[in-house]
Structure formats: C-alpha cells, structure tokens
Amino acid sequence: SLCVLDFTDTPTIFPAEMAAGQPANVICSFNTTCNGTAPTLTWVTPPDEPMSASHSVTQWGDTLTYTSVLSLTPAPKHHGQNLTCRITYPTVSSEQILTMTVQLCG
C-alpha cells in the first residue's frame, strides 16, 4: 500500500553524555505507521569525525520504529558543532539537529 504522508514528523535524537576522548552513542529514532517504502536514516557529522552507525527496525502493532545508533568519540573541538539525523523518503525528507556539548575531562 502507498502512504501519502502529511510529512510533519521529524526524527528524535536522544543525546548521550559526551566527554572528550570517551566513546559515546547517540540514538536517532523515527516512528511511522506507513509500511510501504522504508525511509533511510542518515547522519550528517563534522567532516573530520570518524563514526559508525548501526540501524534497526522494530514493529509494535501498526507502528514501525526505525532506529540508528551513531558511535563516535568526541573531541574538545566538537563542542558546539552539530550532528544531524535525517530521515529520507523518495519524495520527502526531514531532519533533527543536535548541538554537541562536550565535557572536558579532568
């Protein structure tokens, strides 16, 4: 079935506590009742930040939850920079932005 989305939904970012030099996981989640075309979750990160993301989909009743977990190790220079989680369908997209707060250790 084809869903016509009144596309006001944005993904939700669950921020992690970030300390410089310590690995952190930031979670982005998106719920939809549309079981047609699956959306793509992507991250936009600072250009010099090596990162990896894992993706999963879970279903509860009619609701599908798409989740992406971004693993990164923030540095002091990343304080105040943005992480963006973008959800993309073939014709529409939406995003949520998190401004990183990096604690300095010691």
C-alpha atoms as a PDB file:
ATOM      1  CA  SER A   1       0.000   0.000   0.000  1.00  0.00           C
ATOM      2  CA  LEU A   2       1.128   3.513  -0.727  1.00  0.00           C
ATOM      3  CA  CYS A   3       1.103   6.036   2.073  1.00  0.00           C
ATOM      4  CA  VAL A   4       0.554   9.706   1.488  1.00  0.00           C
ATOM      5  CA  LEU A   5       2.464  11.302   4.305  1.00  0.00           C
ATOM      6  CA  ASP A   6       1.466  14.563   5.842  1.00  0.00           C
ATOM      7  CA  PHE A   7       5.133  14.887   6.480  1.00  0.00           C
ATOM      8  CA  THR A   8       5.478  16.902   9.635  1.00  0.00           C
ATOM      9  CA  ASP A   9       7.165  14.135  11.588  1.00  0.00           C
ATOM     10  CA  THR A  10      10.796  14.613  12.490  1.00  0.00           C
ATOM     11  CA  PRO A  11      13.175  12.039  13.865  1.00  0.00           C
ATOM     12  CA  THR A  12      14.024  12.227  17.552  1.00  0.00           C
ATOM     13  CA  ILE A  13      17.615  12.399  18.757  1.00  0.00           C
ATOM     14  CA  PHE A  14      18.381  11.005  22.204  1.00  0.00           C
ATOM     15  CA  PRO A  15      21.627  12.729  23.160  1.00  0.00           C
ATOM     16  CA  ALA A  16      24.386  10.997  25.023  1.00  0.00           C
ATOM     17  CA  GLU A  17      26.580  12.488  27.676  1.00  0.00           C
ATOM     18  CA  MET A  18      29.734  13.401  25.796  1.00  0.00           C
ATOM     19  CA  ALA A  19      33.153  13.620  27.402  1.00  0.00           C
ATOM     20  CA  ALA A  20      36.226  14.386  25.338  1.00  0.00           C
ATOM     21  CA  GLY A  21      38.012  11.200  24.316  1.00  0.00           C
ATOM     22  CA  GLN A  22      35.259   8.920  25.632  1.00  0.00           C
ATOM     23  CA  PRO A  23      33.187   6.823  23.200  1.00  0.00           C
ATOM     24  CA  ALA A  24      29.526   7.839  23.053  1.00  0.00           C
ATOM     25  CA  ASN A  25      26.402   6.524  21.346  1.00  0.00           C
ATOM     26  CA  VAL A  26      23.792   8.964  20.047  1.00  0.00           C
ATOM     27  CA  ILE A  27      20.435   7.452  19.112  1.00  0.00           C
ATOM     28  CA  CYS A  28      18.072   8.699  16.424  1.00  0.00           C
ATOM     29  CA  SER A  29      14.596   7.212  16.219  1.00  0.00           C
ATOM     30  CA  PHE A  30      11.628   7.650  13.883  1.00  0.00           C
ATOM     31  CA  ASN A  31       8.137   6.166  14.209  1.00  0.00           C
ATOM     32  CA  THR A  32       5.756   5.630  11.311  1.00  0.00           C
ATOM     33  CA  THR A  33       2.613   3.658  10.574  1.00  0.00           C
ATOM     34  CA  CYS A  34       3.499   3.618   6.877  1.00  0.00           C
ATOM     35  CA  ASN A  35       4.567   0.125   5.864  1.00  0.00           C
ATOM     36  CA  GLY A  36       5.167   0.992   2.206  1.00  0.00           C
ATOM     37  CA  THR A  37       8.506   2.468   1.247  1.00  0.00           C
ATOM     38  CA  ALA A  38      11.049   2.250   4.039  1.00  0.00           C
ATOM     39  CA  PRO A  39      12.774   5.515   4.915  1.00  0.00           C
ATOM     40  CA  THR A  40      16.534   5.918   5.097  1.00  0.00           C
ATOM     41  CA  LEU A  41      18.128   7.304   8.258  1.00  0.00           C
ATOM     42  CA  THR A  42      21.440   9.058   7.711  1.00  0.00           C
ATOM     43  CA  TRP A  43      23.730  11.132   9.897  1.00  0.00           C
ATOM     44  CA  VAL A  44      25.483  14.348   8.958  1.00  0.00           C
ATOM     45  CA  THR A  45      28.512  14.760  11.198  1.00  0.00           C
ATOM     46  CA  PRO A  46      31.536  17.055  11.421  1.00  0.00           C
ATOM     47  CA  PRO A  47      33.718  16.234   8.399  1.00  0.00           C
ATOM     48  CA  ASP A  48      36.751  15.006  10.339  1.00  0.00           C
ATOM     49  CA  GLU A  49      34.838  12.792  12.766  1.00  0.00           C
ATOM     50  CA  PRO A  50      35.208   9.068  12.144  1.00  0.00           C
ATOM     51  CA  MET A  51      31.950   7.422  13.035  1.00  0.00           C
ATOM     52  CA  SER A  52      29.943   4.302  12.565  1.00  0.00           C
ATOM     53  CA  ALA A  53      26.199   3.824  12.657  1.00  0.00           C
ATOM     54  CA  SER A  54      24.060   0.749  13.138  1.00  0.00           C
ATOM     55  CA  HIS A  55      20.451   0.557  12.013  1.00  0.00           C
ATOM     56  CA  SER A  56      17.473  -1.463  13.167  1.00  0.00           C
ATOM     57  CA  VAL A  57      13.720  -1.650  12.637  1.00  0.00           C
ATOM     58  CA  THR A  58      11.194  -2.835  15.192  1.00  0.00           C
ATOM     59  CA  GLN A  59       7.426  -3.190  14.935  1.00  0.00           C
ATOM     60  CA  TRP A  60       4.826  -2.735  17.655  1.00  0.00           C
ATOM     61  CA  GLY A  61       1.284  -3.132  16.372  1.00  0.00           C
ATOM     62  CA  ASP A  62       0.934  -0.900  13.316  1.00  0.00           C
ATOM     63  CA  THR A  63       3.918   1.243  14.244  1.00  0.00           C
ATOM     64  CA  LEU A  64       7.350   0.747  12.755  1.00  0.00           C
ATOM     65  CA  THR A  65      10.289   2.260  14.625  1.00  0.00           C
ATOM     66  CA  TYR A  66      13.456   2.955  12.672  1.00  0.00           C
ATOM     67  CA  THR A  67      16.489   3.451  14.890  1.00  0.00           C
ATOM     68  CA  SER A  68      20.046   4.444  14.110  1.00  0.00           C
ATOM     69  CA  VAL A  69      22.815   4.422  16.717  1.00  0.00           C
ATOM     70  CA  LEU A  70      25.778   6.670  15.944  1.00  0.00           C
ATOM     71  CA  SER A  71      29.016   5.709  17.669  1.00  0.00           C
ATOM     72  CA  LEU A  72      31.631   8.431  17.962  1.00  0.00           C
ATOM     73  CA  THR A  73      34.434   9.655  20.185  1.00  0.00           C
ATOM     74  CA  PRO A  74      34.038  13.408  20.601  1.00  0.00           C
ATOM     75  CA  ALA A  75      36.983  15.761  20.966  1.00  0.00           C
ATOM     76  CA  PRO A  76      37.017  19.217  22.610  1.00  0.00           C
ATOM     77  CA  LYS A  77      36.873  20.842  19.143  1.00  0.00           C
ATOM     78  CA  HIS A  78      33.455  19.232  18.550  1.00  0.00           C
ATOM     79  CA  HIS A  79      31.851  21.266  21.345  1.00  0.00           C
ATOM     80  CA  GLY A  80      29.104  23.384  19.782  1.00  0.00           C
ATOM     81  CA  GLN A  81      29.192  21.549  16.450  1.00  0.00           C
ATOM     82  CA  ASN A  82      26.082  19.906  15.035  1.00  0.00           C
ATOM     83  CA  LEU A  83      25.027  16.323  14.491  1.00  0.00           C
ATOM     84  CA  THR A  84      22.098  15.942  12.115  1.00  0.00           C
ATOM     85  CA  CYS A  85      19.846  12.914  11.824  1.00  0.00           C
ATOM     86  CA  ARG A  86      17.995  12.921   8.501  1.00  0.00           C
ATOM     87  CA  ILE A  87      15.071  10.736   7.522  1.00  0.00           C
ATOM     88  CA  THR A  88      14.597  10.398   3.789  1.00  0.00           C
ATOM     89  CA  TYR A  89      11.762   9.008   1.717  1.00  0.00           C
ATOM     90  CA  PRO A  90      11.833   9.072  -2.099  1.00  0.00           C
ATOM     91  CA  THR A  91       9.945  12.383  -2.236  1.00  0.00           C
ATOM     92  CA  VAL A  92      10.274  13.981   1.200  1.00  0.00           C
ATOM     93  CA  SER A  93      12.793  14.293   3.976  1.00  0.00           C
ATOM     94  CA  SER A  94      13.016  15.660   7.482  1.00  0.00           C
ATOM     95  CA  GLU A  95      15.798  16.163   9.973  1.00  0.00           C
ATOM     96  CA  GLN A  96      16.634  16.891  13.561  1.00  0.00           C
ATOM     97  CA  ILE A  97      19.799  18.689  14.685  1.00  0.00           C
ATOM     98  CA  LEU A  98      21.685  18.150  17.930  1.00  0.00           C
ATOM     99  CA  THR A  99      24.315  20.654  19.033  1.00  0.00           C
ATOM    100  CA  MET A 100      27.050  18.687  20.748  1.00  0.00           C
ATOM    101  CA  THR A 101      28.003  19.541  24.316  1.00  0.00           C
ATOM    102  CA  VAL A 102      31.406  18.013  25.004  1.00  0.00           C
ATOM    103  CA  GLN A 103      32.613  17.926  28.596  1.00  0.00           C
ATOM    104  CA  LEU A 104      36.334  18.320  29.156  1.00  0.00           C
ATOM    105  CA  CYS A 105      37.787  15.572  31.297  1.00  0.00           C
ATOM    106  CA  GLY A 106      39.962  16.168  34.291  1.00  0.00           C
END
